[in-house]
């Protein structure tokens, strides 16, 4: 009787572990709106920072122009994103790292690794490479 009970409990624990493991890793491919949780009409402003040279977010520029916000979001929406299995949060700002705050999500963009970190979750960028120079042009064009 005790063996049946232990076997049943062990089997249930194994099933729960497998289910929780599948739920924890959502390996499906997502678009930008799914990753950051919003729609373009809901963006009041965004914050863009080039942290490649300063390693701080002190040089942030706020974008209020809806057309410019739409351009930034459209750029990121052309890619697809997949949550990485190994979540190794070691962001070391390189010479091509940007910070974006949009939809109340903090996004670090590492163009060298072609990864983005959204609120401590690392996503691999699929379908192309994020162009740091394009982001830098947008950053430089924002009026303070």
C-alpha atoms as a PDB file:
ATOM      1  CA  UNK A   1       0.000   0.000   0.000  1.00  0.00           C
ATOM      2  CA  UNK A   2       2.755   2.450   0.931  1.00  0.00           C
ATOM      3  CA  UNK A   3       4.694   1.525  -2.225  1.00  0.00           C
ATOM      4  CA  UNK A   4       1.669   2.352  -4.399  1.00  0.00           C
ATOM      5  CA  UNK A   5       1.257   5.652  -2.599  1.00  0.00           C
ATOM      6  CA  UNK A   6       4.938   6.569  -3.011  1.00  0.00           C
ATOM      7  CA  UNK A   7       4.886   5.503  -6.648  1.00  0.00           C
ATOM      8  CA  UNK A   8       1.778   7.610  -7.325  1.00  0.00           C
ATOM      9  CA  UNK A   9       3.217  10.660  -5.548  1.00  0.00           C
ATOM     10  CA  UNK A  10       6.531  10.278  -7.374  1.00  0.00           C
ATOM     11  CA  UNK A  11       4.749  10.028 -10.717  1.00  0.00           C
ATOM     12  CA  UNK A  12       2.662  13.138  -9.975  1.00  0.00           C
ATOM     13  CA  UNK A  13       5.759  15.092  -8.924  1.00  0.00           C
ATOM     14  CA  UNK A  14       7.516  14.069 -12.126  1.00  0.00           C
ATOM     15  CA  UNK A  15       4.538  15.195 -14.219  1.00  0.00           C
ATOM     16  CA  UNK A  16       4.341  18.526 -12.378  1.00  0.00           C
ATOM     17  CA  UNK A  17       8.075  19.108 -12.868  1.00  0.00           C
ATOM     18  CA  UNK A  18       7.770  18.466 -16.597  1.00  0.00           C
ATOM     19  CA  UNK A  19       4.748  20.769 -16.937  1.00  0.00           C
ATOM     20  CA  UNK A  20       6.393  23.554 -14.947  1.00  0.00           C
ATOM     21  CA  UNK A  21       9.560  23.174 -17.014  1.00  0.00           C
ATOM     22  CA  UNK A  22       7.646  23.578 -20.274  1.00  0.00           C
ATOM     23  CA  UNK A  23       5.811  26.620 -18.942  1.00  0.00           C
ATOM     24  CA  UNK A  24       9.000  28.265 -17.707  1.00  0.00           C
ATOM     25  CA  UNK A  25      10.650  28.038 -21.123  1.00  0.00           C
ATOM     26  CA  UNK A  26       8.447  29.569 -23.746  1.00  0.00           C
ATOM     27  CA  UNK A  27      10.504  28.764 -26.823  1.00  0.00           C
ATOM     28  CA  UNK A  28       8.031  30.048 -29.357  1.00  0.00           C
ATOM     29  CA  UNK A  29       9.016  32.837 -31.705  1.00  0.00           C
ATOM     30  CA  UNK A  30       7.446  36.214 -30.860  1.00  0.00           C
ATOM     31  CA  UNK A  31       7.189  39.613 -32.484  1.00  0.00           C
ATOM     32  CA  UNK A  32       8.278  42.812 -30.766  1.00  0.00           C
ATOM     33  CA  UNK A  33       4.830  43.671 -29.409  1.00  0.00           C
ATOM     34  CA  UNK A  34       4.524  40.271 -27.746  1.00  0.00           C
ATOM     35  CA  UNK A  35       7.964  40.636 -26.163  1.00  0.00           C
ATOM     36  CA  UNK A  36       7.386  44.095 -24.685  1.00  0.00           C
ATOM     37  CA  UNK A  37       3.631  43.769 -24.147  1.00  0.00           C
ATOM     38  CA  UNK A  38       1.999  46.656 -25.958  1.00  0.00           C
ATOM     39  CA  UNK A  39       0.659  48.112 -29.167  1.00  0.00           C
ATOM     40  CA  UNK A  40       1.980  51.122 -31.114  1.00  0.00           C
ATOM     41  CA  UNK A  41      -1.063  53.257 -30.319  1.00  0.00           C
ATOM     42  CA  UNK A  42      -0.348  52.902 -26.598  1.00  0.00           C
ATOM     43  CA  UNK A  43       3.095  54.554 -26.658  1.00  0.00           C
ATOM     44  CA  UNK A  44       3.087  58.017 -25.070  1.00  0.00           C
ATOM     45  CA  UNK A  45       6.876  58.326 -25.314  1.00  0.00           C
ATOM     46  CA  UNK A  46      10.036  56.275 -25.392  1.00  0.00           C
ATOM     47  CA  UNK A  47      13.500  56.680 -23.981  1.00  0.00           C
ATOM     48  CA  UNK A  48      16.593  55.854 -26.026  1.00  0.00           C
ATOM     49  CA  UNK A  49      20.107  55.825 -24.611  1.00  0.00           C
ATOM     50  CA  UNK A  50      23.460  55.097 -26.192  1.00  0.00           C
ATOM     51  CA  UNK A  51      25.393  53.413 -23.384  1.00  0.00           C
ATOM     52  CA  UNK A  52      28.195  52.183 -25.617  1.00  0.00           C
ATOM     53  CA  UNK A  53      30.530  55.010 -24.688  1.00  0.00           C
ATOM     54  CA  UNK A  54      29.339  56.087 -21.239  1.00  0.00           C
ATOM     55  CA  UNK A  55      28.167  52.804 -19.677  1.00  0.00           C
ATOM     56  CA  UNK A  56      25.389  54.767 -17.963  1.00  0.00           C
ATOM     57  CA  UNK A  57      21.858  55.793 -18.819  1.00  0.00           C
ATOM     58  CA  UNK A  58      22.538  59.459 -17.986  1.00  0.00           C
ATOM     59  CA  UNK A  59      22.557  60.518 -21.646  1.00  0.00           C
ATOM     60  CA  UNK A  60      18.980  59.437 -22.305  1.00  0.00           C
ATOM     61  CA  UNK A  61      16.889  61.173 -24.902  1.00  0.00           C
ATOM     62  CA  UNK A  62      13.113  61.159 -24.702  1.00  0.00           C
ATOM     63  CA  UNK A  63      11.127  60.697 -27.903  1.00  0.00           C
ATOM     64  CA  UNK A  64       7.662  62.272 -27.916  1.00  0.00           C
ATOM     65  CA  UNK A  65       7.227  62.442 -31.708  1.00  0.00           C
ATOM     66  CA  UNK A  66       4.762  59.674 -32.577  1.00  0.00           C
ATOM     67  CA  UNK A  67       6.199  59.228 -36.093  1.00  0.00           C
ATOM     68  CA  UNK A  68       9.681  58.693 -34.689  1.00  0.00           C
ATOM     69  CA  UNK A  69       8.345  56.268 -32.061  1.00  0.00           C
ATOM     70  CA  UNK A  70       6.507  54.359 -34.780  1.00  0.00           C
ATOM     71  CA  UNK A  71       9.742  54.228 -36.834  1.00  0.00           C
ATOM     72  CA  UNK A  72      11.666  52.745 -33.881  1.00  0.00           C
ATOM     73  CA  UNK A  73       8.961  50.199 -33.079  1.00  0.00           C
ATOM     74  CA  UNK A  74       8.545  49.243 -36.766  1.00  0.00           C
ATOM     75  CA  UNK A  75      12.286  48.669 -36.988  1.00  0.00           C
ATOM     76  CA  UNK A  76      12.259  46.269 -34.031  1.00  0.00           C
ATOM     77  CA  UNK A  77       9.063  44.596 -35.198  1.00  0.00           C
ATOM     78  CA  UNK A  78      10.728  43.451 -38.439  1.00  0.00           C
ATOM     79  CA  UNK A  79      12.663  40.903 -36.382  1.00  0.00           C
ATOM     80  CA  UNK A  80      11.442  37.908 -34.447  1.00  0.00           C
ATOM     81  CA  UNK A  81      12.509  37.068 -30.924  1.00  0.00           C
ATOM     82  CA  UNK A  82      12.972  33.778 -29.126  1.00  0.00           C
ATOM     83  CA  UNK A  83      13.542  33.442 -25.399  1.00  0.00           C
ATOM     84  CA  UNK A  84      16.904  31.833 -24.810  1.00  0.00           C
ATOM     85  CA  UNK A  85      17.009  28.616 -22.804  1.00  0.00           C
ATOM     86  CA  UNK A  86      20.027  29.724 -20.814  1.00  0.00           C
ATOM     87  CA  UNK A  87      19.290  32.957 -19.004  1.00  0.00           C
ATOM     88  CA  UNK A  88      22.830  34.130 -18.243  1.00  0.00           C
ATOM     89  CA  UNK A  89      22.309  37.723 -17.189  1.00  0.00           C
ATOM     90  CA  UNK A  90      25.752  39.121 -17.777  1.00  0.00           C
ATOM     91  CA  UNK A  91      25.291  42.394 -19.588  1.00  0.00           C
ATOM     92  CA  UNK A  92      28.635  43.956 -20.200  1.00  0.00           C
ATOM     93  CA  UNK A  93      28.023  47.081 -22.266  1.00  0.00           C
ATOM     94  CA  UNK A  94      30.086  46.854 -25.400  1.00  0.00           C
ATOM     95  CA  UNK A  95      30.909  49.526 -27.913  1.00  0.00           C
ATOM     96  CA  UNK A  96      27.546  48.859 -29.581  1.00  0.00           C
ATOM     97  CA  UNK A  97      24.968  48.693 -26.803  1.00  0.00           C
ATOM     98  CA  UNK A  98      21.762  50.725 -26.601  1.00  0.00           C
ATOM     99  CA  UNK A  99      19.084  51.061 -23.939  1.00  0.00           C
ATOM    100  CA  UNK A 100      15.423  51.494 -24.848  1.00  0.00           C
ATOM    101  CA  UNK A 101      12.553  52.086 -22.452  1.00  0.00           C
ATOM    102  CA  UNK A 102       9.221  51.478 -24.142  1.00  0.00           C
ATOM    103  CA  UNK A 103       5.826  50.191 -22.918  1.00  0.00           C
ATOM    104  CA  UNK A 104       7.329  50.458 -19.418  1.00  0.00           C
ATOM    105  CA  UNK A 105       9.806  47.723 -20.385  1.00  0.00           C
ATOM    106  CA  UNK A 106      13.532  48.150 -20.003  1.00  0.00           C
ATOM    107  CA  UNK A 107      15.346  46.820 -23.062  1.00  0.00           C
ATOM    108  CA  UNK A 108      19.087  46.469 -23.434  1.00  0.00           C
ATOM    109  CA  UNK A 109      20.136  45.904 -27.030  1.00  0.00           C
ATOM    110  CA  UNK A 110      23.465  44.211 -27.606  1.00  0.00           C
ATOM    111  CA  UNK A 111      24.107  44.398 -31.339  1.00  0.00           C
ATOM    112  CA  UNK A 112      27.367  42.439 -31.044  1.00  0.00           C
ATOM    113  CA  UNK A 113      25.583  39.348 -29.687  1.00  0.00           C
ATOM    114  CA  UNK A 114      22.331  40.122 -31.563  1.00  0.00           C
ATOM    115  CA  UNK A 115      20.391  39.775 -28.317  1.00  0.00           C
ATOM    116  CA  UNK A 116      17.982  41.936 -26.414  1.00  0.00           C
ATOM    117  CA  UNK A 117      17.332  41.811 -22.692  1.00  0.00           C
ATOM    118  CA  UNK A 118      13.767  42.747 -21.791  1.00  0.00           C
ATOM    119  CA  UNK A 119      13.176  43.149 -18.067  1.00  0.00           C
ATOM    120  CA  UNK A 120      15.851  40.516 -17.227  1.00  0.00           C
ATOM    121  CA  UNK A 121      14.718  38.022 -19.896  1.00  0.00           C
ATOM    122  CA  UNK A 122      17.178  37.394 -22.725  1.00  0.00           C
ATOM    123  CA  UNK A 123      15.879  36.995 -26.278  1.00  0.00           C
ATOM    124  CA  UNK A 124      17.785  35.949 -29.357  1.00  0.00           C
ATOM    125  CA  UNK A 125      17.047  38.134 -32.377  1.00  0.00           C
ATOM    126  CA  UNK A 126      15.998  36.112 -35.418  1.00  0.00           C
ATOM    127  CA  UNK A 127      15.572  37.159 -39.041  1.00  0.00           C
ATOM    128  CA  UNK A 128      18.520  39.540 -39.267  1.00  0.00           C
ATOM    129  CA  UNK A 129      20.893  41.641 -37.223  1.00  0.00           C
ATOM    130  CA  UNK A 130      20.011  44.780 -35.315  1.00  0.00           C
ATOM    131  CA  UNK A 131      21.973  47.632 -36.860  1.00  0.00           C
ATOM    132  CA  UNK A 132      23.716  49.724 -34.205  1.00  0.00           C
ATOM    133  CA  UNK A 133      24.510  52.463 -36.718  1.00  0.00           C
ATOM    134  CA  UNK A 134      20.815  52.870 -37.574  1.00  0.00           C
ATOM    135  CA  UNK A 135      19.996  53.137 -33.874  1.00  0.00           C
ATOM    136  CA  UNK A 136      22.805  55.646 -33.401  1.00  0.00           C
ATOM    137  CA  UNK A 137      21.430  57.786 -36.260  1.00  0.00           C
ATOM    138  CA  UNK A 138      18.000  57.788 -34.618  1.00  0.00           C
ATOM    139  CA  UNK A 139      19.587  58.637 -31.270  1.00  0.00           C
ATOM    140  CA  UNK A 140      21.578  61.509 -32.768  1.00  0.00           C
ATOM    141  CA  UNK A 141      18.491  62.879 -34.544  1.00  0.00           C
ATOM    142  CA  UNK A 142      16.437  63.172 -31.346  1.00  0.00           C
ATOM    143  CA  UNK A 143      16.218  66.770 -30.246  1.00  0.00           C
ATOM    144  CA  UNK A 144      16.727  67.358 -26.547  1.00  0.00           C
END
